[in-house]
């Protein structure tokens, strides 16, 4: 996946959540036309989803900028090599003892 596609996916999470909350709120208002009180506005799940959708881009914007500025090498997931030959990296038994190969 290209870095532009990754940044687009991360950047669109917040607006997608906000749009889902707006649709949910509109459908809820049509189905259940109760009066809009402050308590309903604050604790309505659709309104909370819209607020999360607005807050997510604030936190994701630095991530999107880092993804866009990163080189392809920085975006690769590193493959960890074993520390010793035949021993998986970080391999321990349930008691916390290091794994030792049998001879």
Foldseek 3Di string as FASTA:
>chain_A
DALVVVLVVQQCPLVVQLVVLVVVVVVCCVVPVDDDDPVCCVPPPSNVSNVSSVVSNVVCVVVSVCSVPDDPVVPDDDDDDAPDPPARNPDDDPVRHGDDDDD
